[in-house]
C-alpha atoms as a PDB file:
ATOM      1  CA  MET A   1       0.000   0.000   0.000  1.00  0.00           C
ATOM      2  CA  SER A   2       1.227   3.488  -0.845  1.00  0.00           C
ATOM      3  CA  VAL A   3       1.139   6.597   1.269  1.00  0.00           C
ATOM      4  CA  LEU A   4      -0.001   9.819  -0.350  1.00  0.00           C
ATOM      5  CA  SER A   5      -0.195  13.244   1.205  1.00  0.00           C
ATOM      6  CA  VAL A   6      -3.078  15.279  -0.205  1.00  0.00           C
ATOM      7  CA  ARG A   7      -3.803  18.932   0.451  1.00  0.00           C
ATOM      8  CA  LEU A   8      -7.509  19.694   0.691  1.00  0.00           C
ATOM      9  CA  PRO A   9      -9.265  22.981   1.330  1.00  0.00           C
ATOM     10  CA  ASN A  10     -10.565  23.109   4.906  1.00  0.00           C
ATOM     11  CA  SER A  11     -14.185  23.134   3.737  1.00  0.00           C
ATOM     12  CA  LEU A  12     -13.687  19.989   1.657  1.00  0.00           C
ATOM     13  CA  HIS A  13     -11.841  18.243   4.482  1.00  0.00           C
ATOM     14  CA  THR A  14     -14.679  19.048   6.864  1.00  0.00           C
ATOM     15  CA  MET A  15     -17.249  17.640   4.450  1.00  0.00           C
ATOM     16  CA  VAL A  16     -15.193  14.473   3.880  1.00  0.00           C
ATOM     17  CA  LYS A  17     -14.798  13.982   7.619  1.00  0.00           C
ATOM     18  CA  THR A  18     -18.548  14.425   8.168  1.00  0.00           C
ATOM     19  CA  VAL A  19     -19.648  12.086   5.385  1.00  0.00           C
ATOM     20  CA  ALA A  20     -17.068   9.440   6.278  1.00  0.00           C
ATOM     21  CA  SER A  21     -18.258   9.533   9.870  1.00  0.00           C
ATOM     22  CA  GLU A  22     -21.893   9.224   8.777  1.00  0.00           C
ATOM     23  CA  GLU A  23     -20.959   6.224   6.625  1.00  0.00           C
ATOM     24  CA  ASP A  24     -18.948   4.759   9.520  1.00  0.00           C
ATOM     25  CA  ILE A  25     -15.760   4.553   7.457  1.00  0.00           C
ATOM     26  CA  SER A  26     -12.374   6.199   7.743  1.00  0.00           C
ATOM     27  CA  ILE A  27     -11.391   9.251   5.749  1.00  0.00           C
ATOM     28  CA  ASN A  28      -8.802   7.067   3.998  1.00  0.00           C
ATOM     29  CA  GLN A  29     -11.491   4.588   2.971  1.00  0.00           C
ATOM     30  CA  PHE A  30     -13.718   7.416   1.744  1.00  0.00           C
ATOM     31  CA  ILE A  31     -10.975   8.992  -0.362  1.00  0.00           C
ATOM     32  CA  ALA A  32      -9.811   5.628  -1.748  1.00  0.00           C
ATOM     33  CA  SER A  33     -13.401   4.849  -2.733  1.00  0.00           C
ATOM     34  CA  ALA A  34     -13.847   8.276  -4.351  1.00  0.00           C
ATOM     35  CA  VAL A  35     -10.633   7.859  -6.360  1.00  0.00           C
ATOM     36  CA  ALA A  36     -11.668   4.347  -7.436  1.00  0.00           C
ATOM     37  CA  GLU A  37     -15.071   5.654  -8.528  1.00  0.00           C
ATOM     38  CA  LYS A  38     -13.514   8.434 -10.614  1.00  0.00           C
ATOM     39  CA  LEU A  39     -10.990   6.062 -12.203  1.00  0.00           C
ATOM     40  CA  SER A  40     -13.772   3.648 -13.029  1.00  0.00           C
ATOM     41  CA  ALA A  41     -15.748   6.381 -14.771  1.00  0.00           C
ATOM     42  CA  LEU A  42     -12.754   7.549 -16.786  1.00  0.00           C
ATOM     43  CA  THR A  43     -11.528   4.103 -17.788  1.00  0.00           C
ATOM     44  CA  THR A  44     -15.043   2.926 -18.651  1.00  0.00           C
ATOM     45  CA  GLU A  45     -15.403   5.756 -21.145  1.00  0.00           C
ATOM     46  CA  LYS A  46     -12.098   4.798 -22.793  1.00  0.00           C
ATOM     47  CA  TYR A  47     -13.117   1.117 -22.815  1.00  0.00           C
ATOM     48  CA  ILE A  48     -16.422   1.889 -24.521  1.00  0.00           C
ATOM     49  CA  GLU A  49     -14.699   4.111 -27.088  1.00  0.00           C
ATOM     50  CA  ALA A  50     -12.218   1.323 -27.883  1.00  0.00           C
ATOM     51  CA  ARG A  51     -15.050  -1.218 -28.228  1.00  0.00           C
ATOM     52  CA  ALA A  52     -17.000   1.177 -30.459  1.00  0.00           C
ATOM     53  CA  LYS A  53     -14.070   1.361 -32.883  1.00  0.00           C
ATOM     54  CA  ASN A  54     -14.396  -2.396 -33.407  1.00  0.00           C
ATOM     55  CA  ALA A  55     -18.166  -2.288 -33.795  1.00  0.00           C
ATOM     56  CA  SER A  56     -19.850  -3.726 -36.843  1.00  0.00           C
ATOM     57  CA  LYS A  57     -23.254  -2.464 -37.929  1.00  0.00           C
ATOM     58  CA  ASN A  58     -23.741  -5.656 -39.919  1.00  0.00           C
ATOM     59  CA  LYS A  59     -23.104  -7.885 -36.874  1.00  0.00           C
ATOM     60  CA  PHE A  60     -25.441  -5.698 -34.812  1.00  0.00           C
ATOM     61  CA  GLU A  61     -28.213  -6.053 -37.379  1.00  0.00           C
ATOM     62  CA  ILE A  62     -27.698  -9.823 -37.510  1.00  0.00           C
ATOM     63  CA  ALA A  63     -27.988 -10.041 -33.713  1.00  0.00           C
ATOM     64  CA  LEU A  64     -31.009  -7.746 -33.720  1.00  0.00           C
ATOM     65  CA  SER A  65     -32.726  -9.876 -36.346  1.00  0.00           C
ATOM     66  CA  LYS A  66     -32.681 -12.804 -33.906  1.00  0.00           C
ATOM     67  CA  VAL A  67     -34.824 -10.914 -31.384  1.00  0.00           C
ATOM     68  CA  PRO A  68     -38.432 -12.065 -31.617  1.00  0.00           C
ATOM     69  CA  SER A  69     -40.874  -9.459 -32.855  1.00  0.00           C
ATOM     70  CA  LYS A  70     -43.635  -9.344 -30.264  1.00  0.00           C
ATOM     71  CA  GLU A  71     -45.255  -6.845 -27.963  1.00  0.00           C
ATOM     72  CA  PRO A  72     -43.570  -6.290 -24.569  1.00  0.00           C
ATOM     73  CA  ILE A  73     -45.272  -7.614 -21.479  1.00  0.00           C
ATOM     74  CA  GLU A  74     -47.475  -5.115 -19.614  1.00  0.00           C
ATOM     75  CA  MET A  75     -44.885  -4.206 -16.959  1.00  0.00           C
ATOM     76  CA  ASP A  76     -42.297  -3.353 -19.662  1.00  0.00           C
ATOM     77  CA  ARG A  77     -44.548  -0.951 -21.554  1.00  0.00           C
ATOM     78  CA  ILE A  78     -44.016   2.771 -21.341  1.00  0.00           C
END
């Protein structure tokens, strides 16, 4: 595990301390979770972009043609 010193504005530190306490976790856990969440969002976008470059409209249409054509059940209707 690495050690990282982070400078936060006092107002942000106070909010982190409050929320972490409410969630019954440490400030370290809160910050690690927040960083993981941000990294996940950023890397997911890159992953989807990379997958999109390999997309094939023809393969999509073939897959879509295998979906039965029928009305959705009542609970799925808008």
